[in-house]
Amino acid sequence: QAEEELKAAWCRQAEQLQEMGHRELLLRSDVQRAEEQLESFKSQVMQVCSPSAVGSTGKCVTEQQVIEKVRQICDENQQSHEREKSLQEELSSRLTKEKELSANIEVFKNSLQKLQ
């Protein structure tokens, strides 16, 4: 009876090991697919960010290159927003001056009409 129990336990462990091996193969497959997707994504990001960075050979780009390019784009975006804000402030200032000038011209016109 002890021998049968040992055989049964051994069979269960063998089945568990076989199942673990099967899971490991599935996980390795998933990891490889994820790595391929990451490479594809990095290449697409670099292609969009800087078409010249990815040559016609389709060479792989490094994560560092992607990170640097994204940082560069973020910096450029921030500078663009700051420039836009500055231009809006300048435009607002000029519009205010233009309104003041128009008001002064009206006062001047009225004064001239009164003098005539």
Protein backbone atom coordinates (compact mmCIF):
# COMPACT_ATOMS: atom_id res chain seq x y z
CA GLN A 1 0.00 0.00 0.00
CA ALA A 2 2.87 2.38 0.84
CA GLU A 3 4.42 1.61 -2.52
CA GLU A 4 1.17 2.44 -4.31
CA GLU A 5 0.88 5.71 -2.38
CA LEU A 6 4.45 6.58 -3.34
CA LYS A 7 3.74 5.76 -6.98
CA ALA A 8 0.58 7.89 -6.89
CA ALA A 9 2.47 10.78 -5.25
CA TRP A 10 5.24 10.41 -7.82
CA CYS A 11 2.68 10.48 -10.66
CA ARG A 12 1.05 13.61 -9.19
CA GLN A 13 4.43 15.32 -8.94
CA ALA A 14 5.31 14.26 -12.47
CA GLU A 15 2.02 15.72 -13.70
CA GLN A 16 2.68 18.92 -11.75
CA LEU A 17 6.17 19.19 -13.22
CA GLN A 18 4.77 18.60 -16.70
CA GLU A 19 2.13 21.30 -16.10
CA MET A 20 4.80 23.69 -14.80
CA GLY A 21 6.89 23.01 -17.92
CA HIS A 22 3.88 23.74 -20.09
CA ARG A 23 3.23 27.01 -18.20
CA GLU A 24 6.89 27.96 -18.56
CA LEU A 25 6.69 27.48 -22.34
CA LEU A 26 3.56 29.64 -22.47
CA LEU A 27 5.22 32.33 -20.36
CA ARG A 28 8.34 32.30 -22.53
CA SER A 29 6.13 32.66 -25.59
CA ASP A 30 4.28 35.57 -23.97
CA VAL A 31 7.55 37.26 -23.00
CA GLN A 32 8.93 36.89 -26.52
CA ARG A 33 5.71 38.30 -28.01
CA ALA A 34 5.85 41.22 -25.54
CA GLU A 35 9.49 41.91 -26.47
CA GLU A 36 8.59 41.92 -30.16
CA GLN A 37 5.69 44.28 -29.50
CA LEU A 38 7.97 46.56 -27.49
CA GLU A 39 10.54 46.66 -30.29
CA SER A 40 7.81 47.41 -32.79
CA PHE A 41 6.40 50.15 -30.56
CA LYS A 42 9.83 51.71 -30.03
CA SER A 43 10.46 51.70 -33.77
CA GLN A 44 7.06 53.26 -34.43
CA VAL A 45 7.68 55.96 -31.82
CA MET A 46 11.07 56.75 -33.30
CA GLN A 47 9.66 56.70 -36.83
CA VAL A 48 7.00 59.22 -35.84
CA CYS A 49 9.35 61.32 -33.73
CA SER A 50 12.30 61.28 -36.06
CA PRO A 51 11.97 59.43 -39.36
CA SER A 52 15.68 59.79 -40.04
CA ALA A 53 16.52 57.98 -36.77
CA VAL A 54 15.25 54.70 -38.18
CA GLY A 55 17.04 53.91 -41.38
CA SER A 56 15.72 51.97 -44.33
CA THR A 57 17.30 48.86 -42.80
CA GLY A 58 14.75 49.07 -40.00
CA LYS A 59 17.43 48.83 -37.33
CA CYS A 60 16.25 48.46 -33.75
CA VAL A 61 16.29 51.55 -31.62
CA THR A 62 17.30 51.53 -27.99
CA GLU A 63 15.04 52.42 -25.12
CA GLN A 64 17.39 55.28 -24.31
CA GLN A 65 16.92 56.72 -27.81
CA VAL A 66 13.14 56.56 -27.41
CA ILE A 67 13.32 58.16 -23.96
CA GLU A 68 15.61 60.94 -25.20
CA LYS A 69 13.37 61.63 -28.19
CA VAL A 70 10.24 61.76 -26.03
CA ARG A 71 12.03 64.12 -23.61
CA GLN A 72 13.11 66.29 -26.52
CA ILE A 73 9.53 66.44 -27.81
CA CYS A 74 8.25 67.28 -24.31
CA ASP A 75 10.81 70.07 -23.99
CA GLU A 76 9.89 71.44 -27.41
CA ASN A 77 6.21 71.25 -26.49
CA GLN A 78 6.85 73.14 -23.23
CA GLN A 79 8.84 75.81 -25.08
CA SER A 80 6.08 76.10 -27.62
CA HIS A 81 3.48 76.60 -24.89
CA GLU A 82 5.65 79.23 -23.22
CA ARG A 83 6.13 81.03 -26.55
CA GLU A 84 2.38 80.87 -27.22
CA LYS A 85 1.67 82.33 -23.78
CA SER A 86 4.21 85.09 -24.36
CA LEU A 87 2.69 85.92 -27.75
CA GLN A 88 -0.81 85.97 -26.27
CA GLU A 89 0.34 88.37 -23.56
CA GLU A 90 2.01 90.57 -26.18
CA LEU A 91 -1.13 90.52 -28.33
CA SER A 92 -3.29 91.39 -25.34
CA SER A 93 -0.97 94.28 -24.48
CA ARG A 94 -1.08 95.59 -28.05
CA LEU A 95 -4.86 95.33 -28.16
CA THR A 96 -5.10 97.31 -24.93
CA LYS A 97 -2.79 99.99 -26.35
CA GLU A 98 -4.81 100.05 -29.56
CA LYS A 99 -8.05 100.58 -27.59
CA GLU A 100 -6.42 103.39 -25.63
CA LEU A 101 -5.19 104.97 -28.86
CA SER A 102 -8.64 104.69 -30.43
CA ALA A 103 -10.18 106.28 -27.36
CA ASN A 104 -7.62 109.11 -27.51
CA ILE A 105 -8.34 109.62 -31.22
CA GLU A 106 -12.07 109.89 -30.44
CA VAL A 107 -11.36 112.47 -27.75
CA PHE A 108 -9.14 114.36 -30.17
CA LYS A 109 -11.83 114.24 -32.90
CA ASN A 110 -14.46 115.51 -30.47
CA SER A 111 -12.15 118.29 -29.34
CA LEU A 112 -11.50 119.32 -32.96
CA GLN A 113 -15.21 119.36 -33.74
CA LYS A 114 -15.88 121.53 -30.73
CA LEU A 115 -13.13 123.93 -31.75
CA GLN A 116 -14.57 124.25 -35.23
